[in-house]
PDB file of all heavy atoms in Angstrom:
ATOM      1  N   VAL A   1       0.809  -1.196   0.014  1.00  0.00           N
ATOM      2  CA  VAL A   1      -0.046  -0.016  -0.032  1.00  0.00           C
ATOM      3  C   VAL A   1       0.874   1.266   0.007  1.00  0.00           C
ATOM      4  O   VAL A   1       0.578   2.197  -0.707  1.00  0.00           O
ATOM      5  CB  VAL A   1      -0.958  -0.004   1.152  1.00  0.00           C
ATOM      6  CG1 VAL A   1      -1.770   1.286   1.277  1.00  0.00           C
ATOM      7  CG2 VAL A   1      -1.980  -1.196   1.078  1.00  0.00           C
ATOM      8  N   SER A   2       1.997   1.273   0.738  1.00  0.00           N
ATOM      9  CA  SER A   2       2.851   2.446   0.735  1.00  0.00           C
ATOM     10  C   SER A   2       3.551   2.598  -0.555  1.00  0.00           C
ATOM     11  O   SER A   2       3.755   3.728  -1.017  1.00  0.00           O
ATOM     12  CB  SER A   2       3.864   2.369   1.896  1.00  0.00           C
ATOM     13  OG  SER A   2       4.722   1.252   1.754  1.00  0.00           O
ATOM     14  N   LEU A   3       3.924   1.489  -1.186  1.00  0.00           N
ATOM     15  CA  LEU A   3       4.561   1.579  -2.531  1.00  0.00           C
ATOM     16  C   LEU A   3       3.535   2.155  -3.534  1.00  0.00           C
ATOM     17  O   LEU A   3       3.932   2.851  -4.440  1.00  0.00           O
ATOM     18  CB  LEU A   3       5.057   0.215  -3.022  1.00  0.00           C
ATOM     19  CG  LEU A   3       6.305  -0.319  -2.259  1.00  0.00           C
ATOM     20  CD1 LEU A   3       6.504  -1.774  -2.650  1.00  0.00           C
ATOM     21  CD2 LEU A   3       7.485   0.541  -2.456  1.00  0.00           C
ATOM     22  N   ARG A   4       2.306   1.798  -3.420  1.00  0.00           N
ATOM     23  CA  ARG A   4       1.252   2.344  -4.267  1.00  0.00           C
ATOM     24  C   ARG A   4       1.085   3.824  -4.007  1.00  0.00           C
ATOM     25  O   ARG A   4       0.963   4.647  -4.912  1.00  0.00           O
ATOM     26  CB  ARG A   4      -0.077   1.558  -3.985  1.00  0.00           C
ATOM     27  CG  ARG A   4      -1.279   2.155  -4.663  1.00  0.00           C
ATOM     28  CD  ARG A   4      -1.202   2.060  -6.180  1.00  0.00           C
ATOM     29  NE  ARG A   4      -2.384   2.626  -6.827  1.00  0.00           N
ATOM     30  CZ  ARG A   4      -2.342   3.829  -7.325  1.00  0.00           C
ATOM     31  NH1 ARG A   4      -1.264   4.548  -7.386  1.00  0.00           N
ATOM     32  NH2 ARG A   4      -3.469   4.286  -7.923  1.00  0.00           N
ATOM     33  N   ALA A   5       1.095   4.216  -2.753  1.00  0.00           N
ATOM     34  CA  ALA A   5       0.925   5.659  -2.407  1.00  0.00           C
ATOM     35  C   ALA A   5       2.038   6.507  -2.919  1.00  0.00           C
ATOM     36  O   ALA A   5       1.830   7.615  -3.335  1.00  0.00           O
ATOM     37  CB  ALA A   5       0.782   5.800  -0.889  1.00  0.00           C
ATOM     38  N   GLU A   6       3.260   6.015  -2.959  1.00  0.00           N
ATOM     39  CA  GLU A   6       4.403   6.789  -3.405  1.00  0.00           C
ATOM     40  C   GLU A   6       4.569   6.718  -4.965  1.00  0.00           C
ATOM     41  O   GLU A   6       5.488   7.339  -5.477  1.00  0.00           O
ATOM     42  CB  GLU A   6       5.691   6.328  -2.701  1.00  0.00           C
ATOM     43  CG  GLU A   6       6.202   5.032  -3.057  1.00  0.00           C
ATOM     44  CD  GLU A   6       7.385   4.575  -2.238  1.00  0.00           C
ATOM     45  OE1 GLU A   6       7.488   4.969  -1.055  1.00  0.00           O
ATOM     46  OE2 GLU A   6       8.216   3.786  -2.732  1.00  0.00           O
ATOM     47  N   GLY A   7       3.803   5.847  -5.643  1.00  0.00           N
ATOM     48  CA  GLY A   7       3.857   5.777  -7.100  1.00  0.00           C
ATOM     49  C   GLY A   7       4.783   4.709  -7.664  1.00  0.00           C
ATOM     50  O   GLY A   7       4.882   4.584  -8.853  1.00  0.00           O
ATOM     51  N   THR A   8       5.429   3.946  -6.789  1.00  0.00           N
ATOM     52  CA  THR A   8       6.263   2.814  -7.329  1.00  0.00           C
ATOM     53  C   THR A   8       5.359   1.689  -7.852  1.00  0.00           C
ATOM     54  O   THR A   8       5.815   1.093  -8.870  1.00  0.00           O
ATOM     55  CB  THR A   8       7.062   2.281  -6.175  1.00  0.00           C
ATOM     56  OG1 THR A   8       7.933   3.328  -5.638  1.00  0.00           O
ATOM     57  CG2 THR A   8       8.088   1.150  -6.653  1.00  0.00           C
ATOM     58  N   ILE A   9       4.219   1.524  -7.310  1.00  0.00           N
ATOM     59  CA  ILE A   9       3.247   0.601  -7.852  1.00  0.00           C
ATOM     60  C   ILE A   9       2.118   1.444  -8.514  1.00  0.00           C
ATOM     61  O   ILE A   9       1.522   2.288  -7.827  1.00  0.00           O
ATOM     62  CB  ILE A   9       2.621  -0.344  -6.796  1.00  0.00           C
ATOM     63  CG1 ILE A   9       3.751  -1.296  -6.246  1.00  0.00           C
ATOM     64  CG2 ILE A   9       1.467  -1.106  -7.320  1.00  0.00           C
ATOM     65  CD1 ILE A   9       3.274  -2.185  -5.169  1.00  0.00           C
ATOM     66  N   ALA A  10       1.946   1.250  -9.775  1.00  0.00           N
ATOM     67  CA  ALA A  10       0.935   2.010 -10.539  1.00  0.00           C
ATOM     68  C   ALA A  10      -0.524   1.322 -10.345  1.00  0.00           C
ATOM     69  O   ALA A  10      -1.479   2.002 -10.263  1.00  0.00           O
ATOM     70  CB  ALA A  10       1.210   2.051 -12.047  1.00  0.00           C
ATOM     71  N   VAL A  11      -0.516   0.019 -10.306  1.00  0.00           N
ATOM     72  CA  VAL A  11      -1.803  -0.711 -10.223  1.00  0.00           C
ATOM     73  C   VAL A  11      -1.534  -1.845  -9.243  1.00  0.00           C
ATOM     74  O   VAL A  11      -0.557  -2.663  -9.402  1.00  0.00           O
ATOM     75  CB  VAL A  11      -2.242  -1.276 -11.563  1.00  0.00           C
ATOM     76  CG1 VAL A  11      -3.564  -2.089 -11.397  1.00  0.00           C
ATOM     77  CG2 VAL A  11      -2.434  -0.187 -12.604  1.00  0.00           C
ATOM     78  N   LEU A  12      -2.369  -1.989  -8.250  1.00  0.00           N
ATOM     79  CA  LEU A  12      -2.246  -3.049  -7.198  1.00  0.00           C
ATOM     80  C   LEU A  12      -3.564  -3.817  -7.197  1.00  0.00           C
ATOM     81  O   LEU A  12      -4.599  -3.205  -6.901  1.00  0.00           O
ATOM     82  CB  LEU A  12      -1.987  -2.454  -5.880  1.00  0.00           C
ATOM     83  CG  LEU A  12      -1.764  -3.413  -4.713  1.00  0.00           C
ATOM     84  CD1 LEU A  12      -0.635  -4.416  -4.997  1.00  0.00           C
ATOM     85  CD2 LEU A  12      -1.517  -2.656  -3.431  1.00  0.00           C
ATOM     86  N   CYS A  13      -3.520  -5.096  -7.543  1.00  0.00           N
ATOM     87  CA  CYS A  13      -4.751  -5.882  -7.673  1.00  0.00           C
ATOM     88  C   CYS A  13      -4.668  -7.107  -6.758  1.00  0.00           C
ATOM     89  O   CYS A  13      -4.015  -8.111  -7.160  1.00  0.00           O
ATOM     90  CB  CYS A  13      -4.959  -6.317  -9.107  1.00  0.00           C
ATOM     91  SG  CYS A  13      -5.118  -5.043 -10.310  1.00  0.00           S
ATOM     92  N   PRO A  14      -5.273  -7.081  -5.620  1.00  0.00           N
ATOM     93  CA  PRO A  14      -5.386  -8.271  -4.800  1.00  0.00           C
ATOM     94  C   PRO A  14      -6.216  -9.345  -5.633  1.00  0.00           C
ATOM     95  O   PRO A  14      -7.130  -8.955  -6.363  1.00  0.00           O
ATOM     96  CB  PRO A  14      -6.142  -7.883  -3.570  1.00  0.00           C
ATOM     97  CG  PRO A  14      -5.923  -6.390  -3.451  1.00  0.00           C
ATOM     98  CD  PRO A  14      -5.860  -5.941  -4.902  1.00  0.00           C
ATOM     99  N   VAL A  15      -5.871 -10.639  -5.457  1.00  0.00           N
ATOM    100  CA  VAL A  15      -6.493 -11.644  -6.190  1.00  0.00           C
ATOM    101  C   VAL A  15      -7.157 -12.662  -5.263  1.00  0.00           C
ATOM    102  O   VAL A  15      -6.486 -13.063  -4.311  1.00  0.00           O
ATOM    103  CB  VAL A  15      -5.521 -12.373  -7.157  1.00  0.00           C
ATOM    104  CG1 VAL A  15      -6.132 -13.559  -7.852  1.00  0.00           C
ATOM    105  CG2 VAL A  15      -4.919 -11.420  -8.155  1.00  0.00           C
ATOM    106  N   ALA A  16      -8.433 -13.008  -5.456  1.00  0.00           N
ATOM    107  CA  ALA A  16      -9.070 -13.989  -4.634  1.00  0.00           C
ATOM    108  C   ALA A  16      -8.728 -15.354  -5.122  1.00  0.00           C
ATOM    109  O   ALA A  16      -9.347 -15.973  -5.984  1.00  0.00           O
ATOM    110  CB  ALA A  16     -10.606 -13.769  -4.676  1.00  0.00           C
ATOM    111  N   SER A  17      -7.658 -15.911  -4.556  1.00  0.00           N
ATOM    112  CA  SER A  17      -7.111 -17.209  -4.996  1.00  0.00           C
ATOM    113  C   SER A  17      -6.379 -17.897  -3.820  1.00  0.00           C
ATOM    114  O   SER A  17      -5.784 -17.190  -2.962  1.00  0.00           O
ATOM    115  CB  SER A  17      -6.147 -17.012  -6.198  1.00  0.00           C
ATOM    116  OG  SER A  17      -5.405 -18.156  -6.439  1.00  0.00           O
ATOM    117  N   ASP A  18      -6.326 -19.165  -3.818  1.00  0.00           N
ATOM    118  CA  ASP A  18      -5.558 -19.869  -2.843  1.00  0.00           C
ATOM    119  C   ASP A  18      -4.081 -19.937  -3.154  1.00  0.00           C
ATOM    120  O   ASP A  18      -3.293 -20.277  -2.314  1.00  0.00           O
ATOM    121  CB  ASP A  18      -6.092 -21.357  -2.677  1.00  0.00           C
ATOM    122  CG  ASP A  18      -7.490 -21.401  -2.049  1.00  0.00           C
ATOM    123  OD1 ASP A  18      -7.831 -20.427  -1.386  1.00  0.00           O
ATOM    124  OD2 ASP A  18      -8.179 -22.366  -2.302  1.00  0.00           O
ATOM    125  N   THR A  19      -3.766 -19.658  -4.435  1.00  0.00           N
ATOM    126  CA  THR A  19      -2.331 -19.745  -4.842  1.00  0.00           C
ATOM    127  C   THR A  19      -1.707 -18.448  -5.273  1.00  0.00           C
ATOM    128  O   THR A  19      -0.501 -18.392  -5.481  1.00  0.00           O
ATOM    129  CB  THR A  19      -2.263 -20.724  -6.031  1.00  0.00           C
ATOM    130  OG1 THR A  19      -3.068 -20.235  -7.111  1.00  0.00           O
ATOM    131  CG2 THR A  19      -2.689 -22.126  -5.629  1.00  0.00           C
ATOM    132  N   LEU A  20      -2.485 -17.369  -5.424  1.00  0.00           N
ATOM    133  CA  LEU A  20      -1.952 -16.120  -5.861  1.00  0.00           C
ATOM    134  C   LEU A  20      -2.522 -14.999  -4.943  1.00  0.00           C
ATOM    135  O   LEU A  20      -3.768 -14.863  -4.875  1.00  0.00           O
ATOM    136  CB  LEU A  20      -2.342 -15.887  -7.332  1.00  0.00           C
ATOM    137  CG  LEU A  20      -1.831 -14.625  -7.969  1.00  0.00           C
ATOM    138  CD1 LEU A  20      -0.308 -14.615  -8.155  1.00  0.00           C
ATOM    139  CD2 LEU A  20      -2.475 -14.445  -9.405  1.00  0.00           C
ATOM    140  N   ALA A  21      -1.601 -14.148  -4.435  1.00  0.00           N
ATOM    141  CA  ALA A  21      -2.090 -13.086  -3.513  1.00  0.00           C
ATOM    142  C   ALA A  21      -2.542 -11.859  -4.273  1.00  0.00           C
ATOM    143  O   ALA A  21      -3.483 -11.132  -3.894  1.00  0.00           O
ATOM    144  CB  ALA A  21      -0.988 -12.713  -2.515  1.00  0.00           C
ATOM    145  N   GLY A  22      -1.802 -11.601  -5.377  1.00  0.00           N
ATOM    146  CA  GLY A  22      -2.133 -10.386  -6.138  1.00  0.00           C
ATOM    147  C   GLY A  22      -1.164 -10.080  -7.257  1.00  0.00           C
ATOM    148  O   GLY A  22      -0.212 -10.856  -7.441  1.00  0.00           O
ATOM    149  N   VAL A  23      -1.435  -9.020  -7.918  1.00  0.00           N
ATOM    150  CA  VAL A  23      -0.618  -8.598  -9.067  1.00  0.00           C
ATOM    151  C   VAL A  23      -0.321  -7.058  -8.836  1.00  0.00           C
ATOM    152  O   VAL A  23      -1.243  -6.334  -8.504  1.00  0.00           O
ATOM    153  CB  VAL A  23      -1.369  -8.800 -10.441  1.00  0.00           C
ATOM    154  CG1 VAL A  23      -0.512  -8.224 -11.548  1.00  0.00           C
ATOM    155  CG2 VAL A  23      -1.614 -10.262 -10.681  1.00  0.00           C
ATOM    156  N   ALA A  24       0.951  -6.718  -8.998  1.00  0.00           N
ATOM    157  CA  ALA A  24       1.319  -5.356  -8.852  1.00  0.00           C
ATOM    158  C   ALA A  24       1.981  -4.924 -10.185  1.00  0.00           C
ATOM    159  O   ALA A  24       2.956  -5.571 -10.610  1.00  0.00           O
ATOM    160  CB  ALA A  24       2.246  -5.113  -7.681  1.00  0.00           C
ATOM    161  N   ILE A  25       1.607  -3.815 -10.749  1.00  0.00           N
ATOM    162  CA  ILE A  25       2.298  -3.313 -11.897  1.00  0.00           C
ATOM    163  C   ILE A  25       3.110  -2.126 -11.406  1.00  0.00           C
ATOM    164  O   ILE A  25       2.585  -1.161 -10.877  1.00  0.00           O
ATOM    165  CB  ILE A  25       1.309  -2.859 -13.013  1.00  0.00           C
ATOM    166  CG1 ILE A  25       0.513  -4.084 -13.489  1.00  0.00           C
ATOM    167  CG2 ILE A  25       2.045  -2.155 -14.129  1.00  0.00           C
ATOM    168  CD1 ILE A  25      -0.591  -3.796 -14.456  1.00  0.00           C
ATOM    169  N   MET A  26       4.411  -2.249 -11.515  1.00  0.00           N
ATOM    170  CA  MET A  26       5.349  -1.294 -10.953  1.00  0.00           C
ATOM    171  C   MET A  26       5.862  -0.316 -12.022  1.00  0.00           C
ATOM    172  O   MET A  26       5.878  -0.679 -13.229  1.00  0.00           O
ATOM    173  CB  MET A  26       6.477  -1.982 -10.259  1.00  0.00           C
ATOM    174  CG  MET A  26       5.996  -2.876  -9.122  1.00  0.00           C
ATOM    175  SD  MET A  26       7.343  -3.763  -8.287  1.00  0.00           S
ATOM    176  CE  MET A  26       7.406  -2.766  -6.797  1.00  0.00           C
ATOM    177  N   THR A  27       6.289   0.824 -11.578  1.00  0.00           N
ATOM    178  CA  THR A  27       6.798   1.879 -12.485  1.00  0.00           C
ATOM    179  C   THR A  27       8.273   1.928 -12.568  1.00  0.00           C
ATOM    180  O   THR A  27       8.867   2.923 -13.030  1.00  0.00           O
ATOM    181  CB  THR A  27       6.261   3.280 -12.021  1.00  0.00           C
ATOM    182  OG1 THR A  27       6.724   3.530 -10.746  1.00  0.00           O
ATOM    183  CG2 THR A  27       4.732   3.291 -12.066  1.00  0.00           C
ATOM    184  N   VAL A  28       8.943   0.877 -12.195  1.00  0.00           N
ATOM    185  CA  VAL A  28      10.420   0.855 -12.113  1.00  0.00           C
ATOM    186  C   VAL A  28      10.907  -0.332 -12.979  1.00  0.00           C
ATOM    187  O   VAL A  28      10.161  -1.215 -13.320  1.00  0.00           O
ATOM    188  CB  VAL A  28      10.927   0.692 -10.673  1.00  0.00           C
ATOM    189  CG1 VAL A  28      10.518   1.891  -9.837  1.00  0.00           C
ATOM    190  CG2 VAL A  28      10.420  -0.601 -10.018  1.00  0.00           C
ATOM    191  N   PRO A  29      12.179  -0.349 -13.385  1.00  0.00           N
ATOM    192  CA  PRO A  29      12.712  -1.458 -14.142  1.00  0.00           C
ATOM    193  C   PRO A  29      12.603  -2.745 -13.363  1.00  0.00           C
ATOM    194  O   PRO A  29      12.521  -2.755 -12.141  1.00  0.00           O
ATOM    195  CB  PRO A  29      14.167  -1.054 -14.355  1.00  0.00           C
ATOM    196  CG  PRO A  29      14.269   0.390 -14.162  1.00  0.00           C
ATOM    197  CD  PRO A  29      13.179   0.749 -13.228  1.00  0.00           C
ATOM    198  N   SER A  30      12.534  -3.824 -14.113  1.00  0.00           N
ATOM    199  CA  SER A  30      12.334  -5.200 -13.485  1.00  0.00           C
ATOM    200  C   SER A  30      13.376  -5.527 -12.447  1.00  0.00           C
ATOM    201  O   SER A  30      13.100  -6.131 -11.404  1.00  0.00           O
ATOM    202  CB  SER A  30      12.290  -6.259 -14.548  1.00  0.00           C
ATOM    203  OG  SER A  30      13.406  -6.327 -15.308  1.00  0.00           O
TER     204      SER A  30
END
């Protein structure tokens, strides 16, 4: 959430899954 607030994460998507917590699209190199 703090990375999202500072702009490092552009999109943060929690996922309702037993095997995947979420997806984050970041604004920095891999």
